[in-house]
N, C-alpha and C. Protein backbone atom coordinates (compact mmCIF):
# COMPACT_ATOMS: atom_id res chain seq x y z
N MET A 1 101.16 126.52 88.16
CA MET A 1 99.95 125.90 87.67
C MET A 1 98.65 125.96 88.68
N ASN A 2 97.51 126.02 88.03
CA ASN A 2 96.67 125.93 89.06
C ASN A 2 95.84 124.42 88.40
N ASN A 3 96.01 123.22 89.22
CA ASN A 3 95.68 122.07 88.69
C ASN A 3 94.60 121.44 89.54
N SER A 4 92.73 121.23 88.85
CA SER A 4 92.06 121.13 89.91
C SER A 4 92.75 119.85 90.64
N ALA A 5 93.00 119.00 89.71
CA ALA A 5 92.90 117.63 90.51
C ALA A 5 94.19 117.88 91.60
N ILE A 6 95.13 118.29 91.93
CA ILE A 6 96.23 118.21 92.62
C ILE A 6 95.32 119.19 93.91
N CYS A 7 94.40 120.52 93.83
CA CYS A 7 93.46 120.92 94.34
C CYS A 7 92.69 119.92 94.87
N VAL A 8 92.20 119.28 94.21
CA VAL A 8 91.05 118.15 95.08
C VAL A 8 91.97 117.13 95.73
N LEU A 9 93.18 116.64 95.64
CA LEU A 9 94.17 115.75 96.75
C LEU A 9 94.17 116.64 97.54
N SER A 10 94.94 117.44 97.51
CA SER A 10 95.17 118.29 98.71
C SER A 10 93.57 118.41 99.30
N VAL A 11 93.22 118.87 99.65
CA VAL A 11 91.22 118.72 100.56
C VAL A 11 91.50 117.42 100.68
N ILE A 12 91.31 116.04 100.23
CA ILE A 12 91.10 115.48 100.71
C ILE A 12 92.20 114.68 101.57
N THR A 13 93.63 114.40 101.04
CA THR A 13 94.72 114.10 101.88
C THR A 13 94.79 115.18 103.19
N GLY A 14 95.00 116.02 102.68
CA GLY A 14 95.58 117.13 104.04
C GLY A 14 96.75 117.54 103.37
N ASN A 15 97.52 117.59 102.52
CA ASN A 15 98.66 117.33 102.24
C ASN A 15 98.69 118.64 101.12
N SER A 16 100.21 118.93 101.37
CA SER A 16 100.18 120.65 100.72
C SER A 16 99.93 120.13 99.03
N TYR A 17 99.26 121.55 98.28
CA TYR A 17 99.56 121.79 97.29
C TYR A 17 101.21 121.51 96.66
N THR A 18 101.85 121.85 97.10
CA THR A 18 103.23 122.09 96.65
C THR A 18 103.91 120.38 97.14
N ASP A 19 103.54 120.03 97.80
CA ASP A 19 104.03 118.57 98.22
C ASP A 19 103.35 117.10 97.55
N ILE A 20 102.24 117.61 97.00
CA ILE A 20 101.25 116.67 95.71
C ILE A 20 101.93 117.16 94.02
N GLU A 21 102.07 117.94 94.31
CA GLU A 21 102.09 118.31 92.34
C GLU A 21 104.42 117.55 92.48
N LYS A 22 104.86 117.91 93.38
CA LYS A 22 105.82 117.65 93.02
C LYS A 22 105.87 115.77 92.52
N ASP A 23 104.54 115.37 93.05
CA ASP A 23 104.60 113.70 92.20
C ASP A 23 104.13 113.62 91.05
N PHE A 24 103.82 114.28 90.45
CA PHE A 24 103.17 114.75 89.13
C PHE A 24 104.21 115.45 87.77
N ASN A 25 103.75 115.36 87.15
CA ASN A 25 104.14 115.80 85.51
C ASN A 25 103.38 116.68 85.22
N LEU A 26 103.11 118.15 85.37
CA LEU A 26 102.67 119.29 85.55
C LEU A 26 102.30 119.61 83.84
N LEU A 27 103.07 118.92 83.18
CA LEU A 27 103.12 119.02 81.59
C LEU A 27 102.28 118.58 80.95
N GLU A 28 101.59 117.18 82.11
CA GLU A 28 100.96 115.76 81.05
C GLU A 28 99.07 116.43 82.03
N ARG A 29 98.91 116.17 81.32
CA ARG A 29 97.14 116.30 81.82
C ARG A 29 96.77 115.27 82.49
N ILE A 30 96.33 115.24 84.01
CA ILE A 30 96.30 113.97 85.50
C ILE A 30 94.88 113.78 85.11
N LEU A 31 95.21 112.35 85.17
CA LEU A 31 94.17 111.29 84.95
C LEU A 31 93.57 110.86 85.89
N GLU A 32 92.29 110.26 85.78
CA GLU A 32 91.94 109.08 86.88
C GLU A 32 92.20 108.49 87.38
N VAL A 33 93.38 107.26 86.52
CA VAL A 33 94.02 106.62 86.60
C VAL A 33 95.19 107.31 87.56
N HIS A 34 95.89 108.81 87.42
CA HIS A 34 96.93 109.17 87.99
C HIS A 34 96.23 109.47 89.54
N ILE A 35 95.33 109.90 89.56
CA ILE A 35 95.03 110.65 91.26
C ILE A 35 94.93 108.80 91.73
N ASN A 36 94.20 108.09 91.67
CA ASN A 36 93.41 107.03 92.27
C ASN A 36 95.43 106.22 92.51
N SER A 37 96.64 106.20 91.90
CA SER A 37 97.48 105.50 92.30
C SER A 37 98.06 106.42 93.01
N TYR A 38 98.07 107.84 93.51
CA TYR A 38 98.23 108.67 94.37
C TYR A 38 97.75 108.37 95.62
N LEU A 39 96.52 108.26 95.37
CA LEU A 39 95.61 108.04 96.89
C LEU A 39 95.80 106.96 97.10
N ALA A 40 96.07 105.71 96.75
CA ALA A 40 96.45 104.54 96.73
C ALA A 40 97.90 104.51 97.81
N ARG A 41 98.62 105.22 97.74
CA ARG A 41 99.82 105.45 97.83
C ARG A 41 100.01 106.00 99.54
N MET A 42 98.70 106.97 99.23
CA MET A 42 98.53 107.63 100.76
C MET A 42 97.78 107.21 101.24
N GLY A 43 97.49 105.77 100.93
CA GLY A 43 96.41 104.51 102.11
C GLY A 43 94.63 104.88 102.12
N TYR A 44 94.70 104.92 100.31
CA TYR A 44 92.85 105.13 100.50
C TYR A 44 92.70 104.35 99.53
N GLU A 45 91.64 104.22 99.38
CA GLU A 45 90.79 103.48 98.52
C GLU A 45 89.59 104.15 97.21
N VAL A 46 89.38 103.79 97.18
CA VAL A 46 88.43 104.58 96.17
C VAL A 46 87.53 103.29 95.35
N TYR A 47 86.26 104.26 95.35
CA TYR A 47 85.18 102.99 94.47
C TYR A 47 84.42 104.04 93.37
N THR A 48 84.54 104.38 92.10
CA THR A 48 83.99 104.81 91.45
C THR A 48 82.87 104.05 90.55
N GLN A 49 81.59 105.50 90.69
CA GLN A 49 80.97 105.21 90.32
C GLN A 49 80.73 106.60 88.65
N TYR A 50 80.27 105.55 87.61
CA TYR A 50 80.68 106.08 86.27
C TYR A 50 79.25 106.81 85.91
N THR A 51 78.49 108.33 85.45
CA THR A 51 77.80 107.92 85.35
C THR A 51 77.51 109.50 84.69
N GLN A 52 76.28 109.30 83.10
CA GLN A 52 75.95 111.37 82.68
C GLN A 52 75.18 111.89 83.24
N MET A 53 74.52 111.42 84.65
CA MET A 53 73.24 111.89 85.24
C MET A 53 74.38 113.43 86.31
N CYS A 54 73.32 114.11 85.92
CA CYS A 54 73.66 114.95 87.17
C CYS A 54 73.15 114.96 88.66
N GLY A 55 73.07 115.90 89.55
CA GLY A 55 72.61 114.91 90.84
C GLY A 55 72.56 114.08 91.62
N ALA A 56 73.76 113.50 90.45
CA ALA A 56 74.22 111.84 91.21
C ALA A 56 74.20 111.84 93.37
N PHE A 57 74.28 111.28 93.82
CA PHE A 57 73.98 111.49 95.40
C PHE A 57 75.35 110.73 95.75
N PRO A 58 75.90 111.28 97.12
CA PRO A 58 77.10 110.92 97.73
C PRO A 58 76.77 109.52 98.00
N PHE A 59 78.21 108.92 97.86
CA PHE A 59 77.79 107.70 98.85
C PHE A 59 79.34 107.15 99.18
N ALA A 60 79.99 108.46 100.18
CA ALA A 60 80.95 107.97 101.07
C ALA A 60 81.20 109.41 101.68
N LYS A 61 82.52 109.21 102.56
CA LYS A 61 82.90 110.47 103.22
C LYS A 61 83.08 111.59 102.46
N ILE A 62 83.92 111.49 101.14
CA ILE A 62 84.41 112.48 100.44
C ILE A 62 84.73 111.78 99.56
N HIS A 63 84.16 112.00 98.17
CA HIS A 63 84.11 112.50 96.79
C HIS A 63 85.22 113.05 96.03
N TYR A 64 85.74 112.52 94.81
CA TYR A 64 86.61 113.65 93.90
C TYR A 64 85.27 113.11 92.36
N CYS A 65 85.23 114.34 91.74
CA CYS A 65 84.40 113.78 90.45
C CYS A 65 84.83 114.85 89.65
N TYR A 66 84.49 114.02 88.17
CA TYR A 66 85.32 114.87 86.98
C TYR A 66 83.73 115.40 86.23
N VAL A 67 83.96 116.70 86.27
CA VAL A 67 82.90 117.38 85.50
C VAL A 67 83.02 118.43 84.93
N ASN A 68 82.18 118.24 83.72
CA ASN A 68 82.26 119.18 82.46
C ASN A 68 83.46 118.81 81.63
N ASN A 69 83.68 117.42 81.78
CA ASN A 69 84.78 116.95 80.89
C ASN A 69 85.80 117.92 80.34
N ALA A 70 86.05 118.19 81.82
CA ALA A 70 87.02 119.91 81.94
C ALA A 70 87.71 119.59 83.09
N HIS A 71 87.26 119.46 84.40
CA HIS A 71 88.03 119.02 85.35
C HIS A 71 87.97 119.05 86.99
N TYR A 72 88.07 118.88 87.63
CA TYR A 72 87.66 117.89 88.88
C TYR A 72 87.04 118.86 90.04
N VAL A 73 86.29 118.10 91.06
CA VAL A 73 86.00 118.66 91.92
C VAL A 73 85.92 117.89 93.53
N VAL A 74 85.29 118.31 94.47
CA VAL A 74 85.60 117.65 95.51
C VAL A 74 83.61 117.62 95.78
N MET A 75 82.87 116.13 96.12
CA MET A 75 82.00 116.65 96.72
C MET A 75 81.94 115.97 98.57
N PHE A 76 81.72 116.51 99.20
CA PHE A 76 81.48 115.97 100.34
C PHE A 76 80.53 115.05 100.90
N GLN A 77 80.21 114.41 101.95
CA GLN A 77 79.11 113.53 102.42
C GLN A 77 77.67 114.39 102.32
N ASN A 78 77.53 115.16 102.39
CA ASN A 78 76.51 116.47 102.50
C ASN A 78 76.37 116.44 101.08
N GLY A 79 77.17 116.21 100.41
CA GLY A 79 76.32 117.28 98.62
C GLY A 79 77.39 118.22 98.48
N LYS A 80 77.51 118.83 99.01
CA LYS A 80 78.02 120.10 98.93
C LYS A 80 79.65 120.13 98.10
N VAL A 81 79.25 120.93 97.11
CA VAL A 81 80.71 120.90 96.29
C VAL A 81 81.81 121.47 96.57
N TYR A 82 83.00 121.45 96.50
CA TYR A 82 84.16 122.37 96.59
C TYR A 82 84.73 122.05 94.95
N ASP A 83 84.72 123.93 94.52
CA ASP A 83 85.68 123.64 93.37
C ASP A 83 86.57 124.86 93.12
N PRO A 84 88.05 124.22 92.71
CA PRO A 84 89.23 125.27 93.12
C PRO A 84 88.92 126.25 91.86
N ILE A 85 87.97 126.20 90.54
CA ILE A 85 87.86 126.85 89.50
C ILE A 85 86.62 127.90 89.75
N ASN A 86 85.52 127.25 90.53
CA ASN A 86 84.52 128.11 90.64
C ASN A 86 83.70 128.17 91.99
N SER A 87 84.30 129.15 92.31
CA SER A 87 83.67 129.18 93.66
C SER A 87 82.60 129.15 94.06
N SER A 88 81.20 129.39 92.59
CA SER A 88 79.95 129.76 93.14
C SER A 88 79.19 128.10 92.80
N SER A 89 80.01 127.27 92.54
CA SER A 89 79.64 126.08 92.54
C SER A 89 79.00 125.74 93.84
N HIS A 90 77.82 124.94 94.09
CA HIS A 90 77.25 124.49 95.55
C HIS A 90 76.90 122.87 95.60
N SER A 91 76.42 122.34 94.03
CA SER A 91 76.55 120.85 93.74
C SER A 91 76.65 120.44 92.58
N LEU A 92 75.80 119.39 92.54
CA LEU A 92 76.30 118.88 90.99
C LEU A 92 75.80 118.66 90.03
N ASP A 93 74.28 119.27 90.63
CA ASP A 93 73.37 119.92 90.20
C ASP A 93 74.25 121.30 89.36
N ASP A 94 75.21 121.63 89.32
CA ASP A 94 75.72 122.92 88.47
C ASP A 94 76.35 122.40 87.55
N TYR A 95 76.89 121.57 87.43
CA TYR A 95 77.20 121.35 85.85
C TYR A 95 76.62 120.52 85.13
N ALA A 96 76.34 120.78 83.88
CA ALA A 96 76.49 120.17 82.86
C ALA A 96 76.57 118.50 82.53
N VAL A 97 77.83 117.87 83.24
CA VAL A 97 77.99 116.77 82.70
C VAL A 97 79.12 116.35 84.14
N VAL A 98 78.58 115.52 84.41
CA VAL A 98 79.10 114.92 85.90
C VAL A 98 79.62 113.47 85.07
N GLY A 99 80.71 113.55 84.93
CA GLY A 99 81.64 112.39 83.81
C GLY A 99 81.26 110.79 84.87
N TYR A 100 82.43 111.75 86.40
CA TYR A 100 81.94 110.36 87.46
C TYR A 100 82.30 110.70 88.80
N ILE A 101 82.17 109.73 89.65
CA ILE A 101 81.85 110.37 90.78
C ILE A 101 83.00 108.79 91.59
N ALA A 102 84.04 109.94 92.29
CA ALA A 102 84.47 108.47 93.04
C ALA A 102 84.68 108.55 94.31
N GLY A 103 84.19 108.16 95.20
CA GLY A 103 83.97 108.11 96.82
C GLY A 103 85.60 107.28 97.67
N VAL A 104 86.06 108.26 98.34
CA VAL A 104 87.30 108.30 98.93
C VAL A 104 87.11 107.71 100.29
N ASN A 105 88.02 106.52 100.89
CA ASN A 105 87.97 106.69 102.27
C ASN A 105 89.45 106.20 102.64
N LYS A 106 89.57 106.46 103.87
CA LYS A 106 90.81 105.85 104.40
C LYS A 106 91.36 105.03 104.73
N ILE A 107 92.22 104.13 104.40
CA ILE A 107 92.05 102.89 104.59
C ILE A 107 92.01 102.81 106.36
N GLY A 108 91.31 101.93 106.47
CA GLY A 108 91.57 101.37 108.33
C GLY A 108 90.94 102.45 109.21
N TYR A 109 90.17 103.35 108.48
CA TYR A 109 88.71 104.45 109.28
C TYR A 109 87.98 104.43 108.89
N GLU A 110 86.75 104.40 109.22
CA GLU A 110 84.93 104.00 109.22
C GLU A 110 84.64 106.07 108.70
């Protein structure tokens, strides 16, 4: 099963998709609280900015974003977007709705 939340966690943490999916019930929808809990267990802190505005700016080295009320993407510090479902997306401006942006930092690292 291709799950954008797991893909995003793999990009952020460097852990394999296979290892991450073992921590989730893939029959249930993966929510922000589940992503944040996994990241906390892996030693990350998350700062979330809720917005309905496209073109929001990056405020951390790496972010995960919930877009089009449908799936997750990664946004890097330079504003470029990695979308595991749509390879033609390159910025948050490519989405009609950006529900929220979560900046992620490894605890103890700059």
